[in-house]
C-alpha atoms as a PDB file:
ATOM      1  CA  UNK A   1       0.114  -0.048  -0.124  1.00  0.00           C
ATOM      2  CA  UNK A   2       1.704   3.372  -1.242  1.00  0.00           C
ATOM      3  CA  UNK A   3       0.950   6.317   1.126  1.00  0.00           C
ATOM      4  CA  UNK A   4       2.486   9.805   1.506  1.00  0.00           C
ATOM      5  CA  UNK A   5       5.260   9.928   4.370  1.00  0.00           C
ATOM      6  CA  UNK A   6       3.401   9.647   7.983  1.00  0.00           C
ATOM      7  CA  UNK A   7       3.559  12.588   9.763  1.00  0.00           C
ATOM      8  CA  UNK A   8       2.912  14.975   7.126  1.00  0.00           C
ATOM      9  CA  UNK A   9      -0.595  17.195   7.114  1.00  0.00           C
ATOM     10  CA  UNK A  10      -3.154  17.429   4.681  1.00  0.00           C
ATOM     11  CA  UNK A  11      -3.794  20.929   6.133  1.00  0.00           C
ATOM     12  CA  UNK A  12      -1.134  24.053   5.280  1.00  0.00           C
ATOM     13  CA  UNK A  13      -1.079  24.945   9.548  1.00  0.00           C
ATOM     14  CA  UNK A  14      -3.099  24.531  12.306  1.00  0.00           C
ATOM     15  CA  UNK A  15      -5.487  27.185  11.673  1.00  0.00           C
ATOM     16  CA  UNK A  16      -6.455  26.055   8.549  1.00  0.00           C
ATOM     17  CA  UNK A  17      -7.164  22.505  10.646  1.00  0.00           C
ATOM     18  CA  UNK A  18      -9.174  24.192  13.057  1.00  0.00           C
ATOM     19  CA  UNK A  19     -10.875  26.257  10.397  1.00  0.00           C
ATOM     20  CA  UNK A  20     -11.966  23.168   9.139  1.00  0.00           C
ATOM     21  CA  UNK A  21     -13.326  21.358  11.881  1.00  0.00           C
ATOM     22  CA  UNK A  22     -15.755  24.387  12.082  1.00  0.00           C
ATOM     23  CA  UNK A  23     -16.672  23.649   8.503  1.00  0.00           C
ATOM     24  CA  UNK A  24     -17.593  19.932   9.667  1.00  0.00           C
ATOM     25  CA  UNK A  25     -19.383  20.720  12.391  1.00  0.00           C
ATOM     26  CA  UNK A  26     -21.561  23.334  10.509  1.00  0.00           C
ATOM     27  CA  UNK A  27     -22.487  21.252   7.468  1.00  0.00           C
ATOM     28  CA  UNK A  28     -23.585  18.535  10.103  1.00  0.00           C
ATOM     29  CA  UNK A  29     -25.788  20.737  12.296  1.00  0.00           C
ATOM     30  CA  UNK A  30     -26.755  22.049   8.217  1.00  0.00           C
ATOM     31  CA  UNK A  31     -28.196  18.277   7.851  1.00  0.00           C
ATOM     32  CA  UNK A  32     -30.191  18.126  11.019  1.00  0.00           C
ATOM     33  CA  UNK A  33     -30.394  14.980  11.478  1.00  0.00           C
ATOM     34  CA  UNK A  34     -29.324  11.908  14.330  1.00  0.00           C
ATOM     35  CA  UNK A  35     -25.737  10.648  13.243  1.00  0.00           C
ATOM     36  CA  UNK A  36     -23.635   8.634  15.134  1.00  0.00           C
ATOM     37  CA  UNK A  37     -19.371   8.682  14.575  1.00  0.00           C
ATOM     38  CA  UNK A  38     -17.194   5.426  14.479  1.00  0.00           C
ATOM     39  CA  UNK A  39     -14.142   4.491  14.373  1.00  0.00           C
ATOM     40  CA  UNK A  40     -12.432   1.811  12.380  1.00  0.00           C
ATOM     41  CA  UNK A  41      -9.036   0.171  12.562  1.00  0.00           C
ATOM     42  CA  UNK A  42      -8.105  -0.775   9.018  1.00  0.00           C
ATOM     43  CA  UNK A  43      -4.492  -1.462   7.698  1.00  0.00           C
ATOM     44  CA  UNK A  44      -4.486   1.999   6.803  1.00  0.00           C
ATOM     45  CA  UNK A  45      -5.131   3.549  10.450  1.00  0.00           C
ATOM     46  CA  UNK A  46      -8.089   4.566  12.416  1.00  0.00           C
ATOM     47  CA  UNK A  47     -11.086   5.668   9.930  1.00  0.00           C
ATOM     48  CA  UNK A  48     -13.791   7.516  11.325  1.00  0.00           C
ATOM     49  CA  UNK A  49     -17.413   6.693   9.634  1.00  0.00           C
ATOM     50  CA  UNK A  50     -20.450   9.121  10.118  1.00  0.00           C
ATOM     51  CA  UNK A  51     -23.885   6.932   9.844  1.00  0.00           C
ATOM     52  CA  UNK A  52     -27.214   8.193   9.586  1.00  0.00           C
ATOM     53  CA  UNK A  53     -30.654   6.862   9.906  1.00  0.00           C
ATOM     54  CA  UNK A  54     -32.215   3.219  11.029  1.00  0.00           C
ATOM     55  CA  UNK A  55     -29.889   1.038  11.159  1.00  0.00           C
ATOM     56  CA  UNK A  56     -33.057  -1.658  10.899  1.00  0.00           C
ATOM     57  CA  UNK A  57     -33.134  -0.093   7.176  1.00  0.00           C
ATOM     58  CA  UNK A  58     -31.261  -1.112   4.150  1.00  0.00           C
ATOM     59  CA  UNK A  59     -27.493   0.059   4.498  1.00  0.00           C
ATOM     60  CA  UNK A  60     -26.080   2.240   1.555  1.00  0.00           C
ATOM     61  CA  UNK A  61     -22.368   3.243   2.100  1.00  0.00           C
ATOM     62  CA  UNK A  62     -21.577   7.073   0.508  1.00  0.00           C
ATOM     63  CA  UNK A  63     -18.522   8.635  -0.405  1.00  0.00           C
ATOM     64  CA  UNK A  64     -17.786  12.466  -0.507  1.00  0.00           C
ATOM     65  CA  UNK A  65     -15.787  14.197  -2.863  1.00  0.00           C
ATOM     66  CA  UNK A  66     -12.451  14.958  -3.137  1.00  0.00           C
ATOM     67  CA  UNK A  67     -11.705  17.477  -0.011  1.00  0.00           C
ATOM     68  CA  UNK A  68     -15.175  17.942   1.849  1.00  0.00           C
ATOM     69  CA  UNK A  69     -16.478  15.313   4.508  1.00  0.00           C
ATOM     70  CA  UNK A  70     -18.906  12.945   5.069  1.00  0.00           C
ATOM     71  CA  UNK A  71     -20.938  15.652   6.963  1.00  0.00           C
ATOM     72  CA  UNK A  72     -20.438  17.363   3.837  1.00  0.00           C
ATOM     73  CA  UNK A  73     -22.199  14.868   1.817  1.00  0.00           C
ATOM     74  CA  UNK A  74     -24.980  14.064   4.441  1.00  0.00           C
ATOM     75  CA  UNK A  75     -25.987  18.141   4.347  1.00  0.00           C
ATOM     76  CA  UNK A  76     -26.588  16.890   0.704  1.00  0.00           C
ATOM     77  CA  UNK A  77     -28.382  13.499   1.006  1.00  0.00           C
ATOM     78  CA  UNK A  78     -29.905  13.771   4.128  1.00  0.00           C
ATOM     79  CA  UNK A  79     -33.581  13.085   3.064  1.00  0.00           C
ATOM     80  CA  UNK A  80     -32.328   9.176   2.038  1.00  0.00           C
ATOM     81  CA  UNK A  81     -32.133   8.491   5.950  1.00  0.00           C
ATOM     82  CA  UNK A  82     -35.939   8.002   5.061  1.00  0.00           C
ATOM     83  CA  UNK A  83     -35.290   4.580   3.110  1.00  0.00           C
ATOM     84  CA  UNK A  84     -31.444   3.590   4.376  1.00  0.00           C
ATOM     85  CA  UNK A  85     -28.984   3.284   6.742  1.00  0.00           C
ATOM     86  CA  UNK A  86     -26.151   6.007   5.741  1.00  0.00           C
ATOM     87  CA  UNK A  87     -22.773   4.684   6.124  1.00  0.00           C
ATOM     88  CA  UNK A  88     -19.836   7.533   5.067  1.00  0.00           C
ATOM     89  CA  UNK A  89     -16.240   6.975   5.778  1.00  0.00           C
ATOM     90  CA  UNK A  90     -13.949   9.984   5.631  1.00  0.00           C
ATOM     91  CA  UNK A  91     -11.525   9.386   2.537  1.00  0.00           C
ATOM     92  CA  UNK A  92      -8.209   9.223   3.437  1.00  0.00           C
ATOM     93  CA  UNK A  93      -6.253  12.693   2.937  1.00  0.00           C
ATOM     94  CA  UNK A  94      -9.458  14.340   2.016  1.00  0.00           C
ATOM     95  CA  UNK A  95     -11.351  15.344   4.984  1.00  0.00           C
ATOM     96  CA  UNK A  96     -10.406  16.849   8.120  1.00  0.00           C
ATOM     97  CA  UNK A  97     -11.778  13.276  10.160  1.00  0.00           C
ATOM     98  CA  UNK A  98      -9.759  11.431   8.072  1.00  0.00           C
ATOM     99  CA  UNK A  99      -6.234   9.823   8.553  1.00  0.00           C
ATOM    100  CA  UNK A 100      -3.945  12.831   7.453  1.00  0.00           C
ATOM    101  CA  UNK A 101      -2.362  10.286   4.181  1.00  0.00           C
ATOM    102  CA  UNK A 102      -3.297  10.762   0.801  1.00  0.00           C
ATOM    103  CA  UNK A 103      -3.750   6.987  -0.578  1.00  0.00           C
ATOM    104  CA  UNK A 104      -2.065   6.246  -4.078  1.00  0.00           C
ATOM    105  CA  UNK A 105      -4.033   6.185  -7.210  1.00  0.00           C
ATOM    106  CA  UNK A 106      -1.918   3.505  -8.259  1.00  0.00           C
ATOM    107  CA  UNK A 107      -2.708  -0.337  -7.617  1.00  0.00           C
ATOM    108  CA  UNK A 108      -5.650  -0.701  -5.708  1.00  0.00           C
ATOM    109  CA  UNK A 109      -5.479   0.714  -2.230  1.00  0.00           C
ATOM    110  CA  UNK A 110      -8.676   2.734  -2.119  1.00  0.00           C
ATOM    111  CA  UNK A 111     -10.706  -0.061  -3.351  1.00  0.00           C
ATOM    112  CA  UNK A 112      -9.217  -2.471  -0.208  1.00  0.00           C
ATOM    113  CA  UNK A 113      -9.603   0.400   1.748  1.00  0.00           C
ATOM    114  CA  UNK A 114     -13.761   0.452   1.241  1.00  0.00           C
ATOM    115  CA  UNK A 115     -13.342  -3.147   1.713  1.00  0.00           C
ATOM    116  CA  UNK A 116     -11.704  -3.186   4.750  1.00  0.00           C
ATOM    117  CA  UNK A 117     -14.882  -1.135   5.997  1.00  0.00           C
ATOM    118  CA  UNK A 118     -17.061  -3.160   4.765  1.00  0.00           C
ATOM    119  CA  UNK A 119     -15.907  -5.634   6.672  1.00  0.00           C
ATOM    120  CA  UNK A 120     -15.913  -3.449   9.888  1.00  0.00           C
ATOM    121  CA  UNK A 121     -19.597  -3.172   9.289  1.00  0.00           C
ATOM    122  CA  UNK A 122     -19.948  -6.810   8.630  1.00  0.00           C
ATOM    123  CA  UNK A 123     -21.500  -6.513   5.179  1.00  0.00           C
ATOM    124  CA  UNK A 124     -21.247  -8.665   2.492  1.00  0.00           C
ATOM    125  CA  UNK A 125     -22.922  -6.744  -0.394  1.00  0.00           C
ATOM    126  CA  UNK A 126     -24.035  -3.336  -0.094  1.00  0.00           C
ATOM    127  CA  UNK A 127     -25.307  -0.536  -2.514  1.00  0.00           C
ATOM    128  CA  UNK A 128     -22.479   2.150  -2.882  1.00  0.00           C
ATOM    129  CA  UNK A 129     -22.911   5.915  -3.905  1.00  0.00           C
ATOM    130  CA  UNK A 130     -19.647   7.859  -4.630  1.00  0.00           C
ATOM    131  CA  UNK A 131     -19.344  11.883  -5.535  1.00  0.00           C
ATOM    132  CA  UNK A 132     -16.322  12.974  -7.658  1.00  0.00           C
ATOM    133  CA  UNK A 133     -13.698  11.538  -5.911  1.00  0.00           C
ATOM    134  CA  UNK A 134     -15.837   9.193  -3.984  1.00  0.00           C
ATOM    135  CA  UNK A 135     -17.117   8.179  -7.443  1.00  0.00           C
ATOM    136  CA  UNK A 136     -13.724   6.834  -8.530  1.00  0.00           C
ATOM    137  CA  UNK A 137     -13.413   4.836  -5.413  1.00  0.00           C
ATOM    138  CA  UNK A 138     -16.911   3.558  -5.471  1.00  0.00           C
ATOM    139  CA  UNK A 139     -16.604   2.578  -9.396  1.00  0.00           C
ATOM    140  CA  UNK A 140     -12.954   0.941  -8.931  1.00  0.00           C
ATOM    141  CA  UNK A 141     -14.076  -0.727  -5.720  1.00  0.00           C
ATOM    142  CA  UNK A 142     -17.169  -2.232  -7.632  1.00  0.00           C
ATOM    143  CA  UNK A 143     -14.505  -3.239 -10.705  1.00  0.00           C
ATOM    144  CA  UNK A 144     -12.573  -5.281  -8.143  1.00  0.00           C
ATOM    145  CA  UNK A 145     -15.213  -6.767  -6.234  1.00  0.00           C
ATOM    146  CA  UNK A 146     -18.150  -6.989  -8.427  1.00  0.00           C
ATOM    147  CA  UNK A 147     -19.517  -9.342  -5.378  1.00  0.00           C
ATOM    148  CA  UNK A 148     -19.963  -7.198  -3.331  1.00  0.00           C
ATOM    149  CA  UNK A 149     -21.730  -4.288  -4.519  1.00  0.00           C
ATOM    150  CA  UNK A 150     -25.555  -4.704  -5.342  1.00  0.00           C
ATOM    151  CA  UNK A 151     -25.679  -1.671  -7.311  1.00  0.00           C
ATOM    152  CA  UNK A 152     -24.028   1.532  -8.029  1.00  0.00           C
ATOM    153  CA  UNK A 153     -24.676   5.149  -7.860  1.00  0.00           C
ATOM    154  CA  UNK A 154     -22.159   7.395  -9.625  1.00  0.00           C
ATOM    155  CA  UNK A 155     -22.314  11.733  -9.385  1.00  0.00           C
ATOM    156  CA  UNK A 156     -20.155  13.463 -11.360  1.00  0.00           C
ATOM    157  CA  UNK A 157     -17.706  10.480 -10.606  1.00  0.00           C
ATOM    158  CA  UNK A 158     -13.869  11.098 -11.383  1.00  0.00           C
ATOM    159  CA  UNK A 159     -11.758   8.750 -13.495  1.00  0.00           C
ATOM    160  CA  UNK A 160     -14.509   8.520 -16.228  1.00  0.00           C
ATOM    161  CA  UNK A 161     -13.898  11.103 -18.677  1.00  0.00           C
ATOM    162  CA  UNK A 162     -10.973  13.339 -19.728  1.00  0.00           C
ATOM    163  CA  UNK A 163     -12.275  16.386 -19.716  1.00  0.00           C
ATOM    164  CA  UNK A 164     -10.361  19.357 -21.960  1.00  0.00           C
ATOM    165  CA  UNK A 165      -7.318  21.048 -20.691  1.00  0.00           C
ATOM    166  CA  UNK A 166      -7.457  24.015 -22.007  1.00  0.00           C
ATOM    167  CA  UNK A 167     -11.027  24.318 -20.606  1.00  0.00           C
ATOM    168  CA  UNK A 168     -10.160  23.243 -17.084  1.00  0.00           C
ATOM    169  CA  UNK A 169      -7.305  25.959 -17.065  1.00  0.00           C
ATOM    170  CA  UNK A 170     -10.060  28.545 -17.991  1.00  0.00           C
ATOM    171  CA  UNK A 171     -12.417  27.706 -15.740  1.00  0.00           C
ATOM    172  CA  UNK A 172     -10.360  27.112 -12.844  1.00  0.00           C
ATOM    173  CA  UNK A 173      -6.926  28.111 -13.030  1.00  0.00           C
ATOM    174  CA  UNK A 174      -7.059  31.562 -13.701  1.00  0.00           C
ATOM    175  CA  UNK A 175     -10.117  32.022 -11.649  1.00  0.00           C
ATOM    176  CA  UNK A 176      -8.375  30.429  -8.653  1.00  0.00           C
ATOM    177  CA  UNK A 177      -4.783  32.317  -8.822  1.00  0.00           C
ATOM    178  CA  UNK A 178      -7.501  35.728  -9.093  1.00  0.00           C
ATOM    179  CA  UNK A 179      -9.155  34.164  -5.935  1.00  0.00           C
ATOM    180  CA  UNK A 180      -5.869  33.889  -4.051  1.00  0.00           C
ATOM    181  CA  UNK A 181      -4.018  37.015  -4.891  1.00  0.00           C
ATOM    182  CA  UNK A 182      -7.214  38.965  -3.677  1.00  0.00           C
ATOM    183  CA  UNK A 183      -9.922  36.927  -1.478  1.00  0.00           C
ATOM    184  CA  UNK A 184     -12.939  39.045  -2.860  1.00  0.00           C
ATOM    185  CA  UNK A 185     -16.633  38.034  -3.026  1.00  0.00           C
ATOM    186  CA  UNK A 186     -16.481  38.533  -6.823  1.00  0.00           C
ATOM    187  CA  UNK A 187     -13.466  36.553  -7.123  1.00  0.00           C
ATOM    188  CA  UNK A 188     -14.699  33.878  -4.855  1.00  0.00           C
ATOM    189  CA  UNK A 189     -18.191  33.610  -6.847  1.00  0.00           C
ATOM    190  CA  UNK A 190     -16.253  33.670 -10.062  1.00  0.00           C
ATOM    191  CA  UNK A 191     -14.067  30.636  -8.910  1.00  0.00           C
ATOM    192  CA  UNK A 192     -16.920  28.652  -7.045  1.00  0.00           C
ATOM    193  CA  UNK A 193     -19.530  29.264 -10.156  1.00  0.00           C
ATOM    194  CA  UNK A 194     -17.545  26.162 -11.954  1.00  0.00           C
ATOM    195  CA  UNK A 195     -18.006  23.905  -9.120  1.00  0.00           C
ATOM    196  CA  UNK A 196     -21.299  24.260  -8.053  1.00  0.00           C
ATOM    197  CA  UNK A 197     -25.116  25.152  -9.605  1.00  0.00           C
ATOM    198  CA  UNK A 198     -26.085  28.169  -7.883  1.00  0.00           C
ATOM    199  CA  UNK A 199     -24.818  29.931  -5.197  1.00  0.00           C
ATOM    200  CA  UNK A 200     -24.853  28.768  -1.375  1.00  0.00           C
ATOM    201  CA  UNK A 201     -23.246  30.867   0.793  1.00  0.00           C
ATOM    202  CA  UNK A 202     -22.048  27.928   2.848  1.00  0.00           C
ATOM    203  CA  UNK A 203     -20.858  25.953  -0.059  1.00  0.00           C
ATOM    204  CA  UNK A 204     -18.889  29.030  -1.774  1.00  0.00           C
ATOM    205  CA  UNK A 205     -17.452  30.422   1.727  1.00  0.00           C
ATOM    206  CA  UNK A 206     -15.972  26.410   2.352  1.00  0.00           C
ATOM    207  CA  UNK A 207     -15.187  26.032  -0.941  1.00  0.00           C
ATOM    208  CA  UNK A 208     -13.357  29.404  -0.986  1.00  0.00           C
ATOM    209  CA  UNK A 209     -11.400  28.151   2.637  1.00  0.00           C
ATOM    210  CA  UNK A 210     -10.807  24.896   1.292  1.00  0.00           C
ATOM    211  CA  UNK A 211      -8.519  25.764  -1.532  1.00  0.00           C
ATOM    212  CA  UNK A 212      -6.602  27.932   1.060  1.00  0.00           C
ATOM    213  CA  UNK A 213      -6.579  25.658   3.879  1.00  0.00           C
ATOM    214  CA  UNK A 214      -5.592  22.083   2.528  1.00  0.00           C
ATOM    215  CA  UNK A 215      -2.623  21.303   0.616  1.00  0.00           C
ATOM    216  CA  UNK A 216      -3.172  20.675  -3.021  1.00  0.00           C
ATOM    217  CA  UNK A 217      -3.416  16.765  -4.218  1.00  0.00           C
ATOM    218  CA  UNK A 218      -0.470  16.302  -6.653  1.00  0.00           C
ATOM    219  CA  UNK A 219      -2.052  13.460  -8.367  1.00  0.00           C
ATOM    220  CA  UNK A 220      -5.665  12.925  -9.976  1.00  0.00           C
ATOM    221  CA  UNK A 221      -7.720   9.872 -10.962  1.00  0.00           C
ATOM    222  CA  UNK A 222      -6.354   8.229 -13.953  1.00  0.00           C
ATOM    223  CA  UNK A 223      -8.931   7.255 -16.585  1.00  0.00           C
ATOM    224  CA  UNK A 224     -10.469   3.813 -15.699  1.00  0.00           C
ATOM    225  CA  UNK A 225     -10.066   1.166 -18.499  1.00  0.00           C
ATOM    226  CA  UNK A 226     -12.977   0.405 -20.909  1.00  0.00           C
ATOM    227  CA  UNK A 227     -12.661  -3.383 -19.823  1.00  0.00           C
ATOM    228  CA  UNK A 228     -12.807  -2.113 -16.059  1.00  0.00           C
ATOM    229  CA  UNK A 229     -16.508  -0.276 -17.054  1.00  0.00           C
ATOM    230  CA  UNK A 230     -17.981  -3.187 -19.059  1.00  0.00           C
ATOM    231  CA  UNK A 231     -17.256  -5.991 -16.515  1.00  0.00           C
ATOM    232  CA  UNK A 232     -19.996  -3.610 -13.970  1.00  0.00           C
ATOM    233  CA  UNK A 233     -22.725  -6.434 -13.954  1.00  0.00           C
ATOM    234  CA  UNK A 234     -24.774  -4.337 -11.476  1.00  0.00           C
ATOM    235  CA  UNK A 235     -27.074  -2.158 -11.799  1.00  0.00           C
ATOM    236  CA  UNK A 236     -25.181   0.756 -12.446  1.00  0.00           C
ATOM    237  CA  UNK A 237     -26.550   4.819 -12.312  1.00  0.00           C
ATOM    238  CA  UNK A 238     -24.491   7.596 -13.412  1.00  0.00           C
ATOM    239  CA  UNK A 239     -25.266  11.180 -13.661  1.00  0.00           C
ATOM    240  CA  UNK A 240     -22.848  13.512 -14.989  1.00  0.00           C
ATOM    241  CA  UNK A 241     -22.021  17.228 -16.300  1.00  0.00           C
ATOM    242  CA  UNK A 242     -20.174  19.483 -18.916  1.00  0.00           C
END
């Protein structure tokens, strides 16, 4: 299992980590539903898993996006607790509640990590839902462990298509540079408008803080091979965007 050096943090300083702790609590309150926190021992370290809903209902594993958290995801999918028991692990290196080491995208570390979480909850086969980076982990896990995923739902999953580099620079890099040079409300909105469909004060200002607080990831998920996607024999729902 290839990981970054131990002892390094994913945040630029103590103040950045504290600010992200505050954001976690704010989004948890925004979810406005009963939750529990569980710590699982894995070969990757102690993993934090946020759960919500009635444990007697069917479980579904839900994976958050890059540089967010389980609480951020829950704030958007809280109504699923009417029908499911939600298990939301914090992805290593991408959440203030996660271990501060980012797993390598080479090999199958993320798939093994998720498998150990299912083992910890004694789950043999479950539906899996993932957003962005979480979508990448979800579909790579399903490709490797077909027998453990009953259904797969992906929201703008990473690792499916290659976006235009030029368009990406124009849409993200230039607004990000402007925001880092001048953290004005106008520059923040210009940056965040590429990431969310409509302005939201919490999400907008969180995203602005996260770009300054987290150390920038040095790698992105690779594209899935066609044969890996063709091997997904379970029902799959993929919701994508431009």
